[in-house]
Amino acid sequence: MDIFAKINGLKYTPFLCRKLNIFDFDELDRAFSTDATFILEVNKNQLAVSWWVSPKRTRSYPYTRVYDSLDFYGKKVTIIPIVKDEGKRGDRDFLQWDTVSLMSLLGVYVIISYYTDAKRSSRYRHKITDQRFDLDHIKGEIQKLLSYQSDALHWNISQIDNVGKLGQKALKSYLDISERLDVEIHSFESAERRINRLFEGKEIFMGLSRDLAEKAQKRESITAQPKEYLTGEKAMLTIKNYLGGYYYFTCDEVEIHGENLYLIEGKHTKTDNLPSLGDIKDGLLKMMLFTNLEDVRIGDVNYNPVPILKLTTGSRFDISSLNESRSEMLGILKKEAEINGFRIVINHDFFI
């Protein structure tokens, strides 16, 4: 099933953001070592900062990190590596345009950066871990951002203009890391070919990203989840923004009920408790998108979208047995659903 929709902006009020620790500018290294999202204080200015372990949005809960910054009233910043290479036996992921574009929709300023240091994995001989950003580069970008007067969209587009140079720096860093740690990385030649194409302009970057995103969307749309947790059909969701950009997502489940189209994001745990807070926040970022969709259609037929966050658990789950903290969390989640206009299903029953 192929679903098409439009989105012109996001209106959403989050309630489950955690309280963020505050770090001074000269404590940036310590902030990265201890917190995934934090408030950075620079010359009496404050920024809410999150950072991605990998440019791939399905690794290490990056949406959760961004979500935790969204109730901050000042500038919200997220730092994303242009490429992450874990060594030849690990993964290698490249930044895609859709990720930057999504952050623009959320009003989040992106700093595209790169890793310059790492350690050899103690568990896997041919992998590297504990990768560290170029702090001087990030500090320089933060200083520029403090005096930047335009919105996140324009800042993020300007970041894309530098992806070629940043990619080259990233590849050089990985060559140095590989030699120093004696760990083989993925093919340098294939990465170099991809990075060199980025010098042809941001349209090339957008085109490459769009092609890869469509392929990933198709792969994900045929990936089965355990059948006992599915009641609807998995579907591809393509969203067009007001600038003509496209986002490629999948819906875990889609159900048609008359004129209503249930768009369901599922989070599951095998335990007899609710899914983790990180999983739930990851799902809430999808709710931010789904609650702002317009002109939702399948073929030529328009539908009224009904966003649903579906939480499934082990067979012996009992909502009345939740401890105080989990019960409080569920109450806040219910409030977030009521205020923002989405529904919650727990083990196939509507909670709200």
C-alpha atoms as a PDB file:
ATOM      1  CA  MET A   1       0.000   0.000   0.000  1.00  0.00           C
ATOM      2  CA  ASP A   2       1.372   3.422  -1.017  1.00  0.00           C
ATOM      3  CA  ILE A   3       0.179   6.462   0.941  1.00  0.00           C
ATOM      4  CA  PHE A   4       0.882  10.045  -0.108  1.00  0.00           C
ATOM      5  CA  ALA A   5       0.455  13.128   2.080  1.00  0.00           C
ATOM      6  CA  LYS A   6       1.486  16.750   2.450  1.00  0.00           C
ATOM      7  CA  ILE A   7       2.866  18.632   5.434  1.00  0.00           C
ATOM      8  CA  ASN A   8       3.171  22.406   5.728  1.00  0.00           C
ATOM      9  CA  GLY A   9       4.613  22.700   9.217  1.00  0.00           C
ATOM     10  CA  LEU A  10       4.537  21.130  12.641  1.00  0.00           C
ATOM     11  CA  LYS A  11       2.370  22.078  15.588  1.00  0.00           C
ATOM     12  CA  TYR A  12       3.007  19.815  18.534  1.00  0.00           C
ATOM     13  CA  THR A  13       3.489  20.117  22.288  1.00  0.00           C
ATOM     14  CA  PRO A  14       5.723  17.455  23.908  1.00  0.00           C
ATOM     15  CA  PHE A  15       5.277  16.505  27.566  1.00  0.00           C
ATOM     16  CA  LEU A  16       7.736  13.661  28.126  1.00  0.00           C
ATOM     17  CA  CYS A  17      10.984  15.568  27.577  1.00  0.00           C
ATOM     18  CA  ARG A  18      13.440  14.843  30.369  1.00  0.00           C
ATOM     19  CA  LYS A  19      15.055  17.577  32.473  1.00  0.00           C
ATOM     20  CA  LEU A  20      18.319  18.530  30.772  1.00  0.00           C
ATOM     21  CA  ASN A  21      21.650  19.111  32.501  1.00  0.00           C
ATOM     22  CA  ILE A  22      23.414  22.422  31.856  1.00  0.00           C
ATOM     23  CA  PHE A  23      27.054  22.587  30.727  1.00  0.00           C
ATOM     24  CA  ASP A  24      29.344  25.545  30.090  1.00  0.00           C
ATOM     25  CA  PHE A  25      30.861  25.944  26.639  1.00  0.00           C
ATOM     26  CA  ASP A  26      34.276  24.789  27.836  1.00  0.00           C
ATOM     27  CA  GLU A  27      32.652  21.609  29.205  1.00  0.00           C
ATOM     28  CA  LEU A  28      31.442  20.476  25.772  1.00  0.00           C
ATOM     29  CA  ASP A  29      33.675  17.390  25.752  1.00  0.00           C
ATOM     30  CA  ARG A  30      32.322  16.280  29.140  1.00  0.00           C
ATOM     31  CA  ALA A  31      28.757  16.925  27.955  1.00  0.00           C
ATOM     32  CA  PHE A  32      29.254  14.565  25.007  1.00  0.00           C
ATOM     33  CA  SER A  33      30.678  11.939  27.343  1.00  0.00           C
ATOM     34  CA  THR A  34      27.761  11.964  29.760  1.00  0.00           C
ATOM     35  CA  ASP A  35      24.560  13.188  28.055  1.00  0.00           C
ATOM     36  CA  ALA A  36      22.809  12.487  24.757  1.00  0.00           C
ATOM     37  CA  THR A  37      20.874  15.770  25.061  1.00  0.00           C
ATOM     38  CA  PHE A  38      21.864  18.759  27.187  1.00  0.00           C
ATOM     39  CA  ILE A  39      21.709  22.533  27.523  1.00  0.00           C
ATOM     40  CA  LEU A  40      24.878  24.377  26.537  1.00  0.00           C
ATOM     41  CA  GLU A  41      25.537  27.802  28.026  1.00  0.00           C
ATOM     42  CA  VAL A  42      27.634  30.124  25.859  1.00  0.00           C
ATOM     43  CA  ASN A  43      28.210  33.736  26.926  1.00  0.00           C
ATOM     44  CA  LYS A  44      24.883  33.867  28.796  1.00  0.00           C
ATOM     45  CA  ASN A  45      23.105  32.287  25.811  1.00  0.00           C
ATOM     46  CA  GLN A  46      21.626  28.818  26.041  1.00  0.00           C
ATOM     47  CA  LEU A  47      21.137  26.173  23.372  1.00  0.00           C
ATOM     48  CA  ALA A  48      19.489  22.764  23.668  1.00  0.00           C
ATOM     49  CA  VAL A  49      21.945  20.337  22.063  1.00  0.00           C
ATOM     50  CA  SER A  50      21.475  16.714  21.029  1.00  0.00           C
ATOM     51  CA  TRP A  51      23.845  14.529  19.039  1.00  0.00           C
ATOM     52  CA  TRP A  52      23.567  11.460  16.844  1.00  0.00           C
ATOM     53  CA  VAL A  53      25.881   8.481  17.256  1.00  0.00           C
ATOM     54  CA  SER A  54      25.355   7.620  13.587  1.00  0.00           C
ATOM     55  CA  PRO A  55      23.768   9.493  10.664  1.00  0.00           C
ATOM     56  CA  LYS A  56      21.341   6.586  10.244  1.00  0.00           C
ATOM     57  CA  ARG A  57      18.043   7.403  11.925  1.00  0.00           C
ATOM     58  CA  THR A  58      17.345   3.789  12.948  1.00  0.00           C
ATOM     59  CA  ARG A  59      20.445   3.464  15.148  1.00  0.00           C
ATOM     60  CA  SER A  60      20.905   4.564  18.787  1.00  0.00           C
ATOM     61  CA  TYR A  61      17.517   6.301  19.143  1.00  0.00           C
ATOM     62  CA  PRO A  62      18.446   9.668  17.573  1.00  0.00           C
ATOM     63  CA  TYR A  63      14.774  10.686  17.485  1.00  0.00           C
ATOM     64  CA  THR A  64      14.615  10.203  21.250  1.00  0.00           C
ATOM     65  CA  ARG A  65      17.603  12.526  21.682  1.00  0.00           C
ATOM     66  CA  VAL A  66      16.014  15.197  19.491  1.00  0.00           C
ATOM     67  CA  TYR A  67      12.624  14.776  21.184  1.00  0.00           C
ATOM     68  CA  ASP A  68      14.141  15.600  24.585  1.00  0.00           C
ATOM     69  CA  SER A  69      15.188  19.037  23.289  1.00  0.00           C
ATOM     70  CA  LEU A  70      11.842  20.040  21.813  1.00  0.00           C
ATOM     71  CA  ASP A  71      10.290  21.744  24.843  1.00  0.00           C
ATOM     72  CA  PHE A  72      13.238  24.167  25.063  1.00  0.00           C
ATOM     73  CA  TYR A  73      12.192  27.696  24.072  1.00  0.00           C
ATOM     74  CA  GLY A  74      15.541  28.795  22.623  1.00  0.00           C
ATOM     75  CA  LYS A  75      17.492  27.421  19.674  1.00  0.00           C
ATOM     76  CA  LYS A  76      17.522  23.641  19.393  1.00  0.00           C
ATOM     77  CA  VAL A  77      20.614  22.101  17.798  1.00  0.00           C
ATOM     78  CA  THR A  78      21.439  18.562  16.781  1.00  0.00           C
ATOM     79  CA  ILE A  79      24.905  17.374  15.728  1.00  0.00           C
ATOM     80  CA  ILE A  80      25.082  14.622  13.110  1.00  0.00           C
ATOM     81  CA  PRO A  81      28.201  12.943  11.701  1.00  0.00           C
ATOM     82  CA  ILE A  82      28.322  13.008   7.903  1.00  0.00           C
ATOM     83  CA  VAL A  83      29.588   9.440   7.931  1.00  0.00           C
ATOM     84  CA  LYS A  84      30.217   6.794  10.556  1.00  0.00           C
ATOM     85  CA  ASP A  85      32.494   3.839   9.830  1.00  0.00           C
ATOM     86  CA  GLU A  86      32.701   1.204  12.577  1.00  0.00           C
ATOM     87  CA  GLY A  87      35.446  -0.762  10.794  1.00  0.00           C
ATOM     88  CA  LYS A  88      35.234  -3.290   7.981  1.00  0.00           C
ATOM     89  CA  ARG A  89      33.330  -5.801  10.137  1.00  0.00           C
ATOM     90  CA  GLY A  90      30.883  -3.154  11.357  1.00  0.00           C
ATOM     91  CA  ASP A  91      28.413  -0.763   9.741  1.00  0.00           C
ATOM     92  CA  ARG A  92      29.102   2.285   7.607  1.00  0.00           C
ATOM     93  CA  ASP A  93      26.359   4.890   7.322  1.00  0.00           C
ATOM     94  CA  PHE A  94      26.186   8.179   5.416  1.00  0.00           C
ATOM     95  CA  LEU A  95      24.056  11.230   6.142  1.00  0.00           C
ATOM     96  CA  GLN A  96      20.953  11.609   3.984  1.00  0.00           C
ATOM     97  CA  TRP A  97      19.090  14.745   2.934  1.00  0.00           C
ATOM     98  CA  ASP A  98      15.799  13.492   4.395  1.00  0.00           C
ATOM     99  CA  THR A  99      17.308  13.574   7.880  1.00  0.00           C
ATOM    100  CA  VAL A 100      18.351  17.214   7.565  1.00  0.00           C
ATOM    101  CA  SER A 101      15.026  18.108   5.974  1.00  0.00           C
ATOM    102  CA  LEU A 102      13.080  16.486   8.811  1.00  0.00           C
ATOM    103  CA  MET A 103      15.073  18.455  11.384  1.00  0.00           C
ATOM    104  CA  SER A 104      14.167  21.639   9.466  1.00  0.00           C
ATOM    105  CA  LEU A 105      10.499  20.748   9.833  1.00  0.00           C
ATOM    106  CA  LEU A 106      11.024  20.357  13.579  1.00  0.00           C
ATOM    107  CA  GLY A 107      12.762  23.740  13.791  1.00  0.00           C
ATOM    108  CA  VAL A 108      16.034  22.091  14.812  1.00  0.00           C
ATOM    109  CA  TYR A 109      19.356  23.540  13.618  1.00  0.00           C
ATOM    110  CA  VAL A 110      21.703  20.856  12.274  1.00  0.00           C
ATOM    111  CA  ILE A 111      25.471  20.946  12.636  1.00  0.00           C
ATOM    112  CA  ILE A 112      26.982  18.412  10.260  1.00  0.00           C
ATOM    113  CA  SER A 113      30.308  17.254  11.658  1.00  0.00           C
ATOM    114  CA  TYR A 114      32.711  14.304  11.604  1.00  0.00           C
ATOM    115  CA  TYR A 115      34.651  11.997  13.902  1.00  0.00           C
ATOM    116  CA  THR A 116      38.365  12.485  14.450  1.00  0.00           C
ATOM    117  CA  ASP A 117      39.173   9.948  17.171  1.00  0.00           C
ATOM    118  CA  ALA A 118      38.160   6.455  18.264  1.00  0.00           C
ATOM    119  CA  LYS A 119      39.289   3.388  20.185  1.00  0.00           C
ATOM    120  CA  ARG A 120      39.686  -0.188  19.020  1.00  0.00           C
ATOM    121  CA  SER A 121      36.865  -2.368  20.259  1.00  0.00           C
ATOM    122  CA  SER A 122      37.848  -4.651  23.122  1.00  0.00           C
ATOM    123  CA  ARG A 123      35.226  -7.185  22.018  1.00  0.00           C
ATOM    124  CA  TYR A 124      35.728  -7.191  18.246  1.00  0.00           C
ATOM    125  CA  ARG A 125      39.218  -7.060  16.775  1.00  0.00           C
ATOM    126  CA  HIS A 126      38.089  -5.500  13.476  1.00  0.00           C
ATOM    127  CA  LYS A 127      35.802  -2.783  14.818  1.00  0.00           C
ATOM    128  CA  ILE A 128      36.286   0.662  16.349  1.00  0.00           C
ATOM    129  CA  THR A 129      34.213   2.266  19.086  1.00  0.00           C
ATOM    130  CA  ASP A 130      33.937   5.355  21.316  1.00  0.00           C
ATOM    131  CA  GLN A 131      34.206   7.707  18.338  1.00  0.00           C
ATOM    132  CA  ARG A 132      34.761  11.397  19.115  1.00  0.00           C
ATOM    133  CA  PHE A 133      33.735  14.499  17.191  1.00  0.00           C
ATOM    134  CA  ASP A 134      36.044  17.296  16.082  1.00  0.00           C
ATOM    135  CA  LEU A 135      35.240  19.623  18.995  1.00  0.00           C
ATOM    136  CA  ASP A 136      36.977  22.639  17.430  1.00  0.00           C
ATOM    137  CA  HIS A 137      34.762  22.357  14.363  1.00  0.00           C
ATOM    138  CA  ILE A 138      31.598  22.033  16.440  1.00  0.00           C
ATOM    139  CA  LYS A 139      32.533  24.936  18.698  1.00  0.00           C
ATOM    140  CA  GLY A 140      33.136  27.112  15.637  1.00  0.00           C
ATOM    141  CA  GLU A 141      29.732  26.235  14.204  1.00  0.00           C
ATOM    142  CA  ILE A 142      28.017  26.922  17.534  1.00  0.00           C
ATOM    143  CA  GLN A 143      29.650  30.365  17.680  1.00  0.00           C
ATOM    144  CA  LYS A 144      28.328  31.119  14.197  1.00  0.00           C
ATOM    145  CA  LEU A 145      24.883  29.881  15.161  1.00  0.00           C
ATOM    146  CA  LEU A 146      24.654  32.195  18.179  1.00  0.00           C
ATOM    147  CA  SER A 147      24.554  35.241  15.924  1.00  0.00           C
ATOM    148  CA  TYR A 148      22.542  33.597  13.140  1.00  0.00           C
ATOM    149  CA  GLN A 149      19.215  35.358  12.708  1.00  0.00           C
ATOM    150  CA  SER A 150      17.368  33.231  10.145  1.00  0.00           C
ATOM    151  CA  ASP A 151      15.396  30.041  10.751  1.00  0.00           C
ATOM    152  CA  ALA A 152      16.545  26.436  10.952  1.00  0.00           C
ATOM    153  CA  LEU A 153      15.593  25.699   7.347  1.00  0.00           C
ATOM    154  CA  HIS A 154      17.982  28.302   5.908  1.00  0.00           C
ATOM    155  CA  TRP A 155      20.784  27.360   8.313  1.00  0.00           C
ATOM    156  CA  ASN A 156      20.412  23.684   7.431  1.00  0.00           C
ATOM    157  CA  ILE A 157      20.506  24.368   3.699  1.00  0.00           C
ATOM    158  CA  SER A 158      23.725  26.335   4.220  1.00  0.00           C
ATOM    159  CA  GLN A 159      25.167  23.342   6.084  1.00  0.00           C
ATOM    160  CA  ILE A 160      24.542  21.179   3.025  1.00  0.00           C
ATOM    161  CA  ASP A 161      26.793  23.468   0.975  1.00  0.00           C
ATOM    162  CA  ASN A 162      29.760  22.150   2.986  1.00  0.00           C
ATOM    163  CA  VAL A 163      29.045  18.401   2.879  1.00  0.00           C
ATOM    164  CA  GLY A 164      31.757  17.733   0.290  1.00  0.00           C
ATOM    165  CA  LYS A 165      34.524  19.323   2.352  1.00  0.00           C
ATOM    166  CA  LEU A 166      33.254  17.755   5.562  1.00  0.00           C
ATOM    167  CA  GLY A 167      33.111  14.369   3.879  1.00  0.00           C
ATOM    168  CA  GLN A 168      36.732  14.682   2.790  1.00  0.00           C
ATOM    169  CA  LYS A 169      37.785  15.575   6.324  1.00  0.00           C
ATOM    170  CA  ALA A 170      35.852  12.597   7.662  1.00  0.00           C
ATOM    171  CA  LEU A 171      37.528  10.184   5.244  1.00  0.00           C
ATOM    172  CA  LYS A 172      40.980  11.540   6.073  1.00  0.00           C
ATOM    173  CA  SER A 173      40.237  11.120   9.783  1.00  0.00           C
ATOM    174  CA  TYR A 174      39.169   7.513   9.257  1.00  0.00           C
ATOM    175  CA  LEU A 175      42.367   6.761   7.343  1.00  0.00           C
ATOM    176  CA  ASP A 176      44.371   8.170  10.268  1.00  0.00           C
ATOM    177  CA  ILE A 177      42.289   6.221  12.814  1.00  0.00           C
ATOM    178  CA  SER A 178      42.634   3.012  10.786  1.00  0.00           C
ATOM    179  CA  GLU A 179      46.412   3.335  10.596  1.00  0.00           C
ATOM    180  CA  ARG A 180      46.836   4.321  14.241  1.00  0.00           C
ATOM    181  CA  LEU A 181      44.574   1.580  15.632  1.00  0.00           C
ATOM    182  CA  ASP A 182      45.508  -1.043  13.016  1.00  0.00           C
ATOM    183  CA  VAL A 183      41.838  -1.655  12.185  1.00  0.00           C
ATOM    184  CA  GLU A 184      40.758  -2.003   8.561  1.00  0.00           C
ATOM    185  CA  ILE A 185      37.857   0.227   7.492  1.00  0.00           C
ATOM    186  CA  HIS A 186      35.409  -0.105   4.597  1.00  0.00           C
ATOM    187  CA  SER A 187      36.543   0.579   1.042  1.00  0.00           C
ATOM    188  CA  PHE A 188      38.055   4.061   0.912  1.00  0.00           C
ATOM    189  CA  GLU A 189      37.601   4.236  -2.867  1.00  0.00           C
ATOM    190  CA  SER A 190      33.827   3.703  -2.763  1.00  0.00           C
ATOM    191  CA  ALA A 191      33.439   6.280   0.013  1.00  0.00           C
ATOM    192  CA  GLU A 192      35.622   8.750  -1.858  1.00  0.00           C
ATOM    193  CA  ARG A 193      33.526   8.359  -5.015  1.00  0.00           C
ATOM    194  CA  ARG A 194      30.389   9.091  -3.042  1.00  0.00           C
ATOM    195  CA  ILE A 195      31.900  12.098  -1.245  1.00  0.00           C
ATOM    196  CA  ASN A 196      33.345  13.524  -4.472  1.00  0.00           C
ATOM    197  CA  ARG A 197      29.869  13.573  -6.002  1.00  0.00           C
ATOM    198  CA  LEU A 198      28.768  15.911  -3.204  1.00  0.00           C
ATOM    199  CA  PHE A 199      31.006  18.644  -4.633  1.00  0.00           C
ATOM    200  CA  GLU A 200      28.616  18.790  -7.586  1.00  0.00           C
ATOM    201  CA  GLY A 201      26.123  20.620  -5.354  1.00  0.00           C
ATOM    202  CA  LYS A 202      23.314  20.035  -2.909  1.00  0.00           C
ATOM    203  CA  GLU A 203      20.965  18.904  -5.678  1.00  0.00           C
ATOM    204  CA  ILE A 204      23.213  15.865  -6.183  1.00  0.00           C
ATOM    205  CA  PHE A 205      23.192  15.213  -2.444  1.00  0.00           C
ATOM    206  CA  MET A 206      19.394  15.434  -2.403  1.00  0.00           C
ATOM    207  CA  GLY A 207      19.111  13.137  -5.427  1.00  0.00           C
ATOM    208  CA  LEU A 208      21.444  10.483  -4.026  1.00  0.00           C
ATOM    209  CA  SER A 209      19.671  10.609  -0.686  1.00  0.00           C
ATOM    210  CA  ARG A 210      16.227  10.356  -2.270  1.00  0.00           C
ATOM    211  CA  ASP A 211      17.214   7.266  -4.248  1.00  0.00           C
ATOM    212  CA  LEU A 212      18.663   5.550  -1.177  1.00  0.00           C
ATOM    213  CA  ALA A 213      15.694   6.554   0.978  1.00  0.00           C
ATOM    214  CA  GLU A 214      13.207   5.107  -1.510  1.00  0.00           C
ATOM    215  CA  LYS A 215      15.142   1.828  -1.610  1.00  0.00           C
ATOM    216  CA  ALA A 216      15.292   1.692   2.195  1.00  0.00           C
ATOM    217  CA  GLN A 217      11.566   2.455   2.383  1.00  0.00           C
ATOM    218  CA  LYS A 218      10.778  -0.454   0.059  1.00  0.00           C
ATOM    219  CA  ARG A 219      13.013  -2.810   2.045  1.00  0.00           C
ATOM    220  CA  GLU A 220      11.419  -1.774   5.320  1.00  0.00           C
ATOM    221  CA  SER A 221       7.900  -2.083   3.927  1.00  0.00           C
ATOM    222  CA  ILE A 222       8.371  -5.839   3.363  1.00  0.00           C
ATOM    223  CA  THR A 223      10.131  -6.541   6.665  1.00  0.00           C
ATOM    224  CA  ALA A 224       7.764  -8.584   8.778  1.00  0.00           C
ATOM    225  CA  GLN A 225       7.194  -8.090  12.475  1.00  0.00           C
ATOM    226  CA  PRO A 226       5.890 -10.926  14.685  1.00  0.00           C
ATOM    227  CA  LYS A 227       2.417 -11.692  13.313  1.00  0.00           C
ATOM    228  CA  GLU A 228       0.700 -11.696  16.702  1.00  0.00           C
ATOM    229  CA  TYR A 229       1.358  -7.983  17.079  1.00  0.00           C
ATOM    230  CA  LEU A 230       0.071  -6.955  13.637  1.00  0.00           C
ATOM    231  CA  THR A 231      -3.543  -6.428  12.711  1.00  0.00           C
ATOM    232  CA  GLY A 232      -3.155  -4.076   9.751  1.00  0.00           C
ATOM    233  CA  GLU A 233      -1.054  -3.886   6.609  1.00  0.00           C
ATOM    234  CA  LYS A 234       2.429  -2.386   6.436  1.00  0.00           C
ATOM    235  CA  ALA A 235       2.594   0.558   4.035  1.00  0.00           C
ATOM    236  CA  MET A 236       4.923   3.074   2.448  1.00  0.00           C
ATOM    237  CA  LEU A 237       4.238   6.710   3.381  1.00  0.00           C
ATOM    238  CA  THR A 238       5.652   9.478   1.197  1.00  0.00           C
ATOM    239  CA  ILE A 239       5.271  13.002   2.569  1.00  0.00           C
ATOM    240  CA  LYS A 240       5.744  16.152   0.492  1.00  0.00           C
ATOM    241  CA  ASN A 241       6.602  19.403   2.279  1.00  0.00           C
ATOM    242  CA  TYR A 242       5.729  22.953   1.265  1.00  0.00           C
ATOM    243  CA  LEU A 243       9.105  23.364  -0.486  1.00  0.00           C
ATOM    244  CA  GLY A 244       8.586  20.329  -2.673  1.00  0.00           C
ATOM    245  CA  GLY A 245      10.900  18.083  -0.664  1.00  0.00           C
ATOM    246  CA  TYR A 246       9.982  14.486   0.056  1.00  0.00           C
ATOM    247  CA  TYR A 247      10.265  12.278   3.130  1.00  0.00           C
ATOM    248  CA  TYR A 248      10.132   8.510   2.836  1.00  0.00           C
ATOM    249  CA  PHE A 249       8.724   6.557   5.771  1.00  0.00           C
ATOM    250  CA  THR A 250       6.937   3.331   6.468  1.00  0.00           C
ATOM    251  CA  CYS A 251       3.878   2.782   8.623  1.00  0.00           C
ATOM    252  CA  ASP A 252       4.090  -0.306  10.805  1.00  0.00           C
ATOM    253  CA  GLU A 253       0.375  -0.844  10.297  1.00  0.00           C
ATOM    254  CA  VAL A 254      -2.357   0.804   8.244  1.00  0.00           C
ATOM    255  CA  GLU A 255      -6.082   0.106   8.550  1.00  0.00           C
ATOM    256  CA  ILE A 256      -8.903   1.619   6.513  1.00  0.00           C
ATOM    257  CA  HIS A 257     -12.146   2.251   8.428  1.00  0.00           C
ATOM    258  CA  GLY A 258     -14.549   4.013   6.087  1.00  0.00           C
ATOM    259  CA  GLU A 259     -13.147   7.506   5.533  1.00  0.00           C
ATOM    260  CA  ASN A 260     -10.586   7.076   8.322  1.00  0.00           C
ATOM    261  CA  LEU A 261      -7.063   5.832   7.717  1.00  0.00           C
ATOM    262  CA  TYR A 262      -5.348   4.511  10.836  1.00  0.00           C
ATOM    263  CA  LEU A 263      -1.609   5.295  10.686  1.00  0.00           C
ATOM    264  CA  ILE A 264      -0.084   3.087  13.348  1.00  0.00           C
ATOM    265  CA  GLU A 265       3.437   3.281  14.786  1.00  0.00           C
ATOM    266  CA  GLY A 266       4.126   0.170  16.844  1.00  0.00           C
ATOM    267  CA  LYS A 267       6.519  -0.305  19.755  1.00  0.00           C
ATOM    268  CA  HIS A 268       6.887  -3.740  21.289  1.00  0.00           C
ATOM    269  CA  THR A 269       8.528  -5.357  24.291  1.00  0.00           C
ATOM    270  CA  LYS A 270       8.651  -9.050  25.189  1.00  0.00           C
ATOM    271  CA  THR A 271       8.434  -8.137  28.876  1.00  0.00           C
ATOM    272  CA  ASP A 272       5.253  -7.808  30.929  1.00  0.00           C
ATOM    273  CA  ASN A 273       5.785  -4.061  31.138  1.00  0.00           C
ATOM    274  CA  LEU A 274       5.378  -1.160  28.736  1.00  0.00           C
ATOM    275  CA  PRO A 275       8.039  -0.605  26.054  1.00  0.00           C
ATOM    276  CA  SER A 276      10.987   1.516  27.177  1.00  0.00           C
ATOM    277  CA  LEU A 277      10.666   5.286  27.413  1.00  0.00           C
ATOM    278  CA  GLY A 278      13.262   5.568  24.636  1.00  0.00           C
ATOM    279  CA  ASP A 279      11.112   3.429  22.340  1.00  0.00           C
ATOM    280  CA  ILE A 280       8.028   5.458  23.187  1.00  0.00           C
ATOM    281  CA  LYS A 281       9.761   8.784  22.491  1.00  0.00           C
ATOM    282  CA  ASP A 282      11.018   7.382  19.207  1.00  0.00           C
ATOM    283  CA  GLY A 283       7.397   6.650  18.333  1.00  0.00           C
ATOM    284  CA  LEU A 284       6.306  10.119  19.421  1.00  0.00           C
ATOM    285  CA  LEU A 285       8.466  11.739  16.768  1.00  0.00           C
ATOM    286  CA  LYS A 286       6.397   9.833  14.197  1.00  0.00           C
ATOM    287  CA  MET A 287       3.260  11.138  15.950  1.00  0.00           C
ATOM    288  CA  MET A 288       4.567  14.680  15.403  1.00  0.00           C
ATOM    289  CA  LEU A 289       4.545  13.976  11.679  1.00  0.00           C
ATOM    290  CA  PHE A 290       1.326  11.986  11.509  1.00  0.00           C
ATOM    291  CA  THR A 291      -0.695  14.584  13.469  1.00  0.00           C
ATOM    292  CA  ASN A 292       0.280  17.295  10.983  1.00  0.00           C
ATOM    293  CA  LEU A 293      -0.488  15.493   7.733  1.00  0.00           C
ATOM    294  CA  GLU A 294      -2.798  17.022   5.133  1.00  0.00           C
ATOM    295  CA  ASP A 295      -4.280  15.755   1.863  1.00  0.00           C
ATOM    296  CA  VAL A 296      -3.713  12.113   2.793  1.00  0.00           C
ATOM    297  CA  ARG A 297      -4.584   9.778  -0.052  1.00  0.00           C
ATOM    298  CA  ILE A 298      -4.175   6.313  -1.472  1.00  0.00           C
ATOM    299  CA  GLY A 299      -4.356   6.617  -5.227  1.00  0.00           C
ATOM    300  CA  ASP A 300      -7.125   9.122  -5.936  1.00  0.00           C
ATOM    301  CA  VAL A 301      -9.009   8.487  -2.683  1.00  0.00           C
ATOM    302  CA  ASN A 302      -8.584  10.943   0.195  1.00  0.00           C
ATOM    303  CA  TYR A 303      -8.745   9.821   3.823  1.00  0.00           C
ATOM    304  CA  ASN A 304      -8.934  11.357   7.264  1.00  0.00           C
ATOM    305  CA  PRO A 305      -5.674  10.354   9.005  1.00  0.00           C
ATOM    306  CA  VAL A 306      -5.935   8.903  12.523  1.00  0.00           C
ATOM    307  CA  PRO A 307      -2.435   8.683  14.073  1.00  0.00           C
ATOM    308  CA  ILE A 308      -2.058   5.844  16.571  1.00  0.00           C
ATOM    309  CA  LEU A 309       0.824   4.889  18.851  1.00  0.00           C
ATOM    310  CA  LYS A 310       0.512   1.154  19.511  1.00  0.00           C
ATOM    311  CA  LEU A 311       2.301  -0.361  22.503  1.00  0.00           C
ATOM    312  CA  THR A 312       2.451  -4.160  22.737  1.00  0.00           C
ATOM    313  CA  THR A 313       3.860  -6.260  25.558  1.00  0.00           C
ATOM    314  CA  GLY A 314       4.287  -9.741  26.929  1.00  0.00           C
ATOM    315  CA  SER A 315       1.135 -11.840  27.400  1.00  0.00           C
ATOM    316  CA  ARG A 316       0.935 -11.317  31.165  1.00  0.00           C
ATOM    317  CA  PHE A 317       0.957  -7.522  31.098  1.00  0.00           C
ATOM    318  CA  ASP A 318      -1.517  -5.908  33.492  1.00  0.00           C
ATOM    319  CA  ILE A 319      -1.897  -2.133  33.393  1.00  0.00           C
ATOM    320  CA  SER A 320      -3.055  -2.089  37.007  1.00  0.00           C
ATOM    321  CA  SER A 321       0.276  -3.630  38.064  1.00  0.00           C
ATOM    322  CA  LEU A 322       2.437  -0.784  36.725  1.00  0.00           C
ATOM    323  CA  ASN A 323       4.739   0.738  39.329  1.00  0.00           C
ATOM    324  CA  GLU A 324       4.346   4.385  40.298  1.00  0.00           C
ATOM    325  CA  SER A 325       6.895   5.809  37.851  1.00  0.00           C
ATOM    326  CA  ARG A 326       5.573   3.850  34.851  1.00  0.00           C
ATOM    327  CA  SER A 327       1.997   4.704  35.767  1.00  0.00           C
ATOM    328  CA  GLU A 328       2.930   8.399  35.970  1.00  0.00           C
ATOM    329  CA  MET A 329       4.683   8.179  32.601  1.00  0.00           C
ATOM    330  CA  LEU A 330       1.579   6.633  31.036  1.00  0.00           C
ATOM    331  CA  GLY A 331      -0.547   9.428  32.452  1.00  0.00           C
ATOM    332  CA  ILE A 332       1.729  12.064  30.886  1.00  0.00           C
ATOM    333  CA  LEU A 333       1.709  10.149  27.598  1.00  0.00           C
ATOM    334  CA  LYS A 334      -2.096  10.179  27.677  1.00  0.00           C
ATOM    335  CA  LYS A 335      -2.055  13.956  28.153  1.00  0.00           C
ATOM    336  CA  GLU A 336       0.342  14.337  25.207  1.00  0.00           C
ATOM    337  CA  ALA A 337      -2.002  12.276  23.048  1.00  0.00           C
ATOM    338  CA  GLU A 338      -5.073  14.301  24.076  1.00  0.00           C
ATOM    339  CA  ILE A 339      -3.405  17.677  23.481  1.00  0.00           C
ATOM    340  CA  ASN A 340      -1.834  16.748  20.139  1.00  0.00           C
ATOM    341  CA  GLY A 341      -4.604  14.628  18.662  1.00  0.00           C
ATOM    342  CA  PHE A 342      -3.373  11.057  18.408  1.00  0.00           C
ATOM    343  CA  ARG A 343      -4.636   7.828  19.938  1.00  0.00           C
ATOM    344  CA  ILE A 344      -2.905   5.131  21.989  1.00  0.00           C
ATOM    345  CA  VAL A 345      -3.485   1.388  21.717  1.00  0.00           C
ATOM    346  CA  ILE A 346      -2.139  -0.993  24.343  1.00  0.00           C
ATOM    347  CA  ASN A 347      -2.208  -4.633  23.238  1.00  0.00           C
ATOM    348  CA  HIS A 348      -4.944  -4.064  20.630  1.00  0.00           C
ATOM    349  CA  ASP A 349      -7.254  -2.121  22.988  1.00  0.00           C
ATOM    350  CA  PHE A 350      -7.668   1.650  22.739  1.00  0.00           C
ATOM    351  CA  PHE A 351      -6.278   3.372  25.848  1.00  0.00           C
ATOM    352  CA  ILE A 352      -7.405   6.743  24.532  1.00  0.00           C
END
